[in-house]
N, C-alpha and C. Protein backbone atom coordinates (compact mmCIF):
# COMPACT_ATOMS: atom_id res chain seq x y z
N PRO A 1 -46.56 29.44 51.60
CA PRO A 1 -45.60 30.50 51.79
C PRO A 1 -45.50 30.72 50.62
N ALA A 2 -45.29 31.82 50.49
CA ALA A 2 -43.87 32.52 50.02
C ALA A 2 -42.34 32.65 49.67
N GLY A 3 -41.68 32.41 48.87
CA GLY A 3 -40.69 32.56 48.25
C GLY A 3 -40.22 31.85 47.04
N PRO A 4 -38.85 31.91 46.03
CA PRO A 4 -38.36 32.25 45.24
C PRO A 4 -39.19 30.12 44.43
N LYS A 5 -39.05 29.62 45.93
CA LYS A 5 -39.10 28.38 45.09
C LYS A 5 -40.92 27.81 44.38
N HIS A 6 -41.40 29.18 45.08
CA HIS A 6 -42.74 28.41 44.83
C HIS A 6 -42.85 29.06 43.72
N MET A 7 -42.43 30.16 43.52
CA MET A 7 -43.22 30.69 42.42
C MET A 7 -43.01 30.87 41.09
N ARG A 8 -43.94 30.57 40.15
CA ARG A 8 -44.46 29.41 39.37
C ARG A 8 -45.52 31.16 37.64
N PHE A 9 -45.53 30.24 36.98
CA PHE A 9 -46.44 31.00 36.02
C PHE A 9 -47.65 31.35 36.56
N HIS A 10 -48.67 32.10 35.95
CA HIS A 10 -49.63 32.18 35.55
C HIS A 10 -50.61 30.76 35.50
N PRO A 11 -50.95 30.01 35.21
CA PRO A 11 -51.51 29.05 34.43
C PRO A 11 -52.38 29.67 33.49
N GLY A 12 -52.44 30.34 32.63
CA GLY A 12 -52.94 30.61 31.66
C GLY A 12 -52.93 32.10 30.85
N ALA A 13 -53.80 32.69 30.22
CA ALA A 13 -53.55 34.10 29.96
C ALA A 13 -53.90 35.07 30.10
N PRO A 14 -53.02 36.35 30.09
CA PRO A 14 -53.93 37.09 31.05
C PRO A 14 -54.25 38.16 30.09
N THR A 15 -55.73 38.40 30.52
CA THR A 15 -56.18 39.17 29.78
C THR A 15 -56.20 40.97 29.29
N PHE A 16 -54.84 41.06 30.34
CA PHE A 16 -54.63 42.23 29.38
C PHE A 16 -53.14 42.33 29.08
N ALA A 17 -52.96 42.43 27.84
CA ALA A 17 -51.36 41.90 28.16
C ALA A 17 -50.70 43.17 26.78
N VAL A 18 -49.39 43.65 27.50
CA VAL A 18 -48.78 45.14 26.67
C VAL A 18 -47.03 44.14 26.43
N GLU A 19 -46.71 45.54 24.95
CA GLU A 19 -45.81 44.78 24.48
C GLU A 19 -44.95 45.67 24.24
N VAL A 20 -43.97 46.79 24.30
CA VAL A 20 -43.55 47.35 24.38
C VAL A 20 -41.69 47.46 23.25
N ARG A 21 -41.94 47.77 22.67
CA ARG A 21 -41.50 47.94 21.32
C ARG A 21 -40.01 48.64 21.64
N SER A 22 -38.78 47.68 21.08
CA SER A 22 -37.46 48.08 21.71
C SER A 22 -36.91 48.35 20.00
N GLU A 23 -35.80 48.98 19.78
CA GLU A 23 -34.64 49.27 18.83
C GLU A 23 -35.17 48.72 17.78
N ASN A 24 -35.31 47.29 17.74
CA ASN A 24 -35.01 46.07 17.24
C ASN A 24 -36.47 45.94 16.46
N ASP A 25 -37.76 46.17 16.86
CA ASP A 25 -38.75 45.52 16.33
C ASP A 25 -39.65 47.20 15.58
N TYR A 26 -38.63 47.07 14.23
CA TYR A 26 -38.88 48.12 13.09
C TYR A 26 -39.13 47.48 12.04
N THR A 27 -38.74 46.20 11.73
CA THR A 27 -38.36 46.20 9.87
C THR A 27 -39.92 45.31 9.85
N PRO A 28 -39.90 44.93 8.59
CA PRO A 28 -40.95 43.86 8.34
C PRO A 28 -40.49 42.49 9.15
N LYS A 29 -39.89 41.65 9.40
CA LYS A 29 -39.52 40.86 10.11
C LYS A 29 -40.29 40.88 11.58
N ALA A 30 -39.57 41.80 12.32
CA ALA A 30 -39.96 42.41 13.44
C ALA A 30 -41.77 42.35 13.84
N GLU A 31 -42.31 43.41 12.50
CA GLU A 31 -43.70 43.20 12.58
C GLU A 31 -44.26 42.22 12.50
N ARG A 32 -43.41 41.15 11.29
CA ARG A 32 -44.67 39.51 11.29
C ARG A 32 -44.57 39.37 12.88
N GLU A 33 -43.15 39.41 13.65
CA GLU A 33 -42.68 38.41 14.32
C GLU A 33 -44.35 38.97 16.37
N ILE A 34 -44.40 40.28 15.86
CA ILE A 34 -45.66 41.36 16.80
C ILE A 34 -46.42 40.79 16.27
N ALA A 35 -46.78 40.49 15.22
CA ALA A 35 -49.20 39.77 14.98
C ALA A 35 -48.84 38.84 15.43
N ALA A 36 -47.78 38.18 14.82
CA ALA A 36 -47.76 36.48 15.20
C ALA A 36 -48.14 36.09 16.92
N LYS A 37 -47.16 37.09 17.49
CA LYS A 37 -47.05 37.02 19.20
C LYS A 37 -48.67 37.83 19.53
N ARG A 38 -48.96 38.33 19.08
CA ARG A 38 -50.56 38.99 19.60
C ARG A 38 -52.05 37.77 18.88
N ASP A 39 -51.70 37.28 17.95
CA ASP A 39 -52.46 36.14 17.48
C ASP A 39 -52.23 35.01 18.36
N ASP A 40 -51.33 35.11 19.02
CA ASP A 40 -51.18 33.60 19.95
C ASP A 40 -51.45 33.61 20.96
N TYR A 41 -51.87 35.23 21.68
CA TYR A 41 -51.86 35.67 22.91
C TYR A 41 -53.54 35.86 22.42
N PHE A 42 -53.99 36.03 21.62
CA PHE A 42 -55.17 36.22 21.36
C PHE A 42 -56.61 34.52 21.67
N LEU A 43 -55.24 33.90 20.41
CA LEU A 43 -55.64 31.95 20.51
C LEU A 43 -55.73 31.66 22.67
N ALA A 44 -54.40 32.31 23.22
CA ALA A 44 -55.53 31.98 24.82
C ALA A 44 -56.04 32.24 25.34
N GLY A 45 -56.20 33.19 24.71
CA GLY A 45 -57.62 34.46 25.34
C GLY A 45 -57.79 35.31 25.63
N THR A 46 -56.76 35.91 25.73
CA THR A 46 -56.24 37.43 25.99
C THR A 46 -57.50 38.06 25.89
N GLN A 47 -57.27 39.11 26.23
CA GLN A 47 -59.14 40.28 25.09
C GLN A 47 -58.12 41.19 24.61
N VAL A 48 -57.12 42.31 25.23
CA VAL A 48 -56.41 43.10 24.64
C VAL A 48 -55.02 43.31 24.75
N VAL A 49 -54.23 43.22 23.85
CA VAL A 49 -53.49 43.89 23.45
C VAL A 49 -52.66 44.80 23.47
N TRP A 50 -51.85 45.35 23.50
CA TRP A 50 -51.41 46.74 23.37
C TRP A 50 -49.93 46.66 22.60
N ASP A 51 -49.46 47.11 22.05
CA ASP A 51 -48.61 47.72 21.34
C ASP A 51 -48.10 49.30 20.94
N VAL A 52 -46.90 49.29 22.17
CA VAL A 52 -46.31 50.39 22.13
C VAL A 52 -45.21 50.95 21.98
N ASP A 53 -45.33 51.57 20.83
CA ASP A 53 -44.46 52.57 19.77
C ASP A 53 -44.02 54.21 20.38
N PRO A 54 -42.37 54.18 21.51
CA PRO A 54 -42.25 54.13 22.41
C PRO A 54 -41.34 55.54 20.84
N ILE A 55 -41.21 55.28 19.39
CA ILE A 55 -40.81 56.15 18.35
C ILE A 55 -41.78 57.01 18.16
N ALA A 56 -43.44 56.37 17.70
CA ALA A 56 -44.20 57.03 17.65
C ALA A 56 -45.11 58.19 18.67
N GLU A 57 -44.62 57.81 19.85
CA GLU A 57 -45.40 57.99 21.37
C GLU A 57 -47.00 57.55 21.20
N THR A 58 -47.07 56.53 20.68
CA THR A 58 -47.85 56.22 20.01
C THR A 58 -48.65 54.00 20.60
N ILE A 59 -49.97 54.01 21.56
CA ILE A 59 -51.02 52.64 21.34
C ILE A 59 -51.12 52.34 21.02
N ASN A 60 -51.23 51.39 20.21
CA ASN A 60 -51.96 50.21 19.12
C ASN A 60 -52.86 49.52 20.11
N SER A 61 -53.96 49.65 20.16
CA SER A 61 -54.36 48.64 20.65
C SER A 61 -55.41 47.49 19.72
N TYR A 62 -55.57 46.27 20.69
CA TYR A 62 -55.76 45.25 19.80
C TYR A 62 -57.17 44.62 20.70
N LYS A 63 -57.90 44.38 20.54
CA LYS A 63 -59.50 43.84 20.50
C LYS A 63 -59.43 41.85 20.24
N ALA A 64 -59.67 41.36 21.23
CA ALA A 64 -60.29 39.85 20.72
C ALA A 64 -61.21 39.78 19.49
N SER A 65 -62.03 40.77 19.88
CA SER A 65 -63.28 40.62 18.90
C SER A 65 -63.06 41.22 17.16
N ASP A 66 -61.81 42.22 17.33
CA ASP A 66 -61.42 42.96 16.13
C ASP A 66 -59.94 43.09 15.97
N PRO A 67 -59.11 41.89 15.88
CA PRO A 67 -57.96 41.33 16.01
C PRO A 67 -56.88 42.66 14.84
N SER A 68 -58.03 42.92 13.64
CA SER A 68 -57.07 43.61 12.73
C SER A 68 -56.76 45.10 12.76
N SER A 69 -58.43 45.65 13.67
CA SER A 69 -58.49 47.34 13.08
C SER A 69 -57.80 48.10 14.92
N PRO A 70 -57.20 47.69 14.97
CA PRO A 70 -56.55 48.10 16.15
C PRO A 70 -57.03 49.93 16.32
N VAL A 71 -57.26 50.11 17.93
CA VAL A 71 -57.30 52.18 18.12
C VAL A 71 -56.15 52.27 18.02
N VAL A 72 -55.94 53.35 17.71
CA VAL A 72 -54.32 53.95 18.13
C VAL A 72 -54.28 55.37 18.46
N TYR A 73 -54.04 55.25 20.24
CA TYR A 73 -54.13 56.12 20.83
C TYR A 73 -52.97 57.45 21.15
N HIS A 74 -52.72 58.95 20.57
CA HIS A 74 -51.85 59.22 20.73
C HIS A 74 -51.70 60.40 21.57
N ARG A 75 -50.68 61.03 22.32
CA ARG A 75 -50.67 62.42 22.79
C ARG A 75 -51.54 62.72 23.43
N GLY A 76 -52.72 63.08 24.16
CA GLY A 76 -53.71 64.04 24.41
C GLY A 76 -54.56 63.07 24.28
N ASP A 77 -54.60 61.86 24.91
CA ASP A 77 -55.61 60.58 23.91
C ASP A 77 -55.47 59.64 26.02
N VAL A 78 -56.63 59.59 26.53
CA VAL A 78 -56.54 57.81 27.70
C VAL A 78 -56.85 56.98 27.20
N ALA A 79 -55.69 55.91 26.95
CA ALA A 79 -55.85 54.60 26.18
C ALA A 79 -56.66 54.16 27.27
N ASP A 80 -57.41 53.06 27.19
CA ASP A 80 -57.85 52.18 27.58
C ASP A 80 -58.01 50.46 27.33
N ALA A 81 -57.76 50.07 28.16
CA ALA A 81 -57.99 48.47 28.36
C ALA A 81 -59.45 47.96 27.78
N GLU A 82 -60.61 48.21 27.43
CA GLU A 82 -62.11 47.63 27.33
C GLU A 82 -61.85 46.39 26.46
N PRO A 83 -62.62 45.06 26.56
CA PRO A 83 -63.68 44.98 27.62
C PRO A 83 -62.46 44.12 28.97
N ALA A 84 -61.34 44.42 28.82
CA ALA A 84 -60.24 43.96 29.59
C ALA A 84 -60.72 44.01 31.09
N LEU A 85 -60.32 45.49 30.98
CA LEU A 85 -60.35 46.45 32.11
C LEU A 85 -61.69 46.89 32.28
N PRO A 86 -61.96 46.67 33.16
CA PRO A 86 -63.78 47.96 32.65
C PRO A 86 -63.28 49.54 33.67
N GLY A 87 -63.25 50.51 32.98
CA GLY A 87 -63.15 51.94 33.66
C GLY A 87 -62.15 52.35 33.92
N TRP A 88 -60.79 51.16 33.65
CA TRP A 88 -59.30 51.66 33.24
C TRP A 88 -58.79 52.03 32.58
N GLY A 89 -57.70 53.33 32.34
CA GLY A 89 -57.53 54.31 32.02
C GLY A 89 -56.90 55.17 31.66
N VAL A 90 -55.23 55.94 30.91
CA VAL A 90 -53.90 55.74 31.58
C VAL A 90 -54.35 57.46 30.44
N LYS A 91 -53.70 58.41 30.44
CA LYS A 91 -53.09 59.24 29.70
C LYS A 91 -51.88 59.19 28.97
N VAL A 92 -51.66 58.97 27.82
CA VAL A 92 -50.36 58.49 27.35
C VAL A 92 -49.57 59.17 27.85
N ASP A 93 -49.98 60.66 27.63
CA ASP A 93 -48.98 61.74 28.66
C ASP A 93 -48.49 61.01 28.98
N ASP A 94 -49.00 60.52 29.89
CA ASP A 94 -47.40 59.62 31.46
C ASP A 94 -47.21 58.41 31.44
N ILE A 95 -47.29 58.24 29.49
CA ILE A 95 -46.77 56.25 29.32
C ILE A 95 -45.66 57.13 28.66
N PHE A 96 -44.96 58.16 27.56
CA PHE A 96 -44.26 58.99 27.52
C PHE A 96 -43.66 60.40 27.74
N VAL A 97 -43.07 60.29 29.17
CA VAL A 97 -42.86 61.27 29.60
C VAL A 97 -41.61 61.37 29.04
C-alpha cells in the first residue's frame, strides 16, 4: 500500500541526475563540492549528471564515460541525457523561461 510510512529512497543510484545551482554555488569552494558530488554520482553508477546554471543559462552535461569533458548546451540547443535516456531531449529555452 502507498502512503508516507511506506515511502523509501530508491536503493541505488539514479540513471540520470540533475543539479540546479543556487546563488551560493558560484564560489571556488562550491565548484569543488559540486565536482565531488558529481564524482559520487558516477561512483554510484549514475550515467549522466546535468549541472544547470541559471545565471549563464546553460546546461553542462557530464557523462560517466568522459566525466571531465561536459557537453555544454545553450539557449537554442536541445539538451539530451544520452545514454541514460535514449531519444529524450528538452529545449534549453524551455528550461530558462
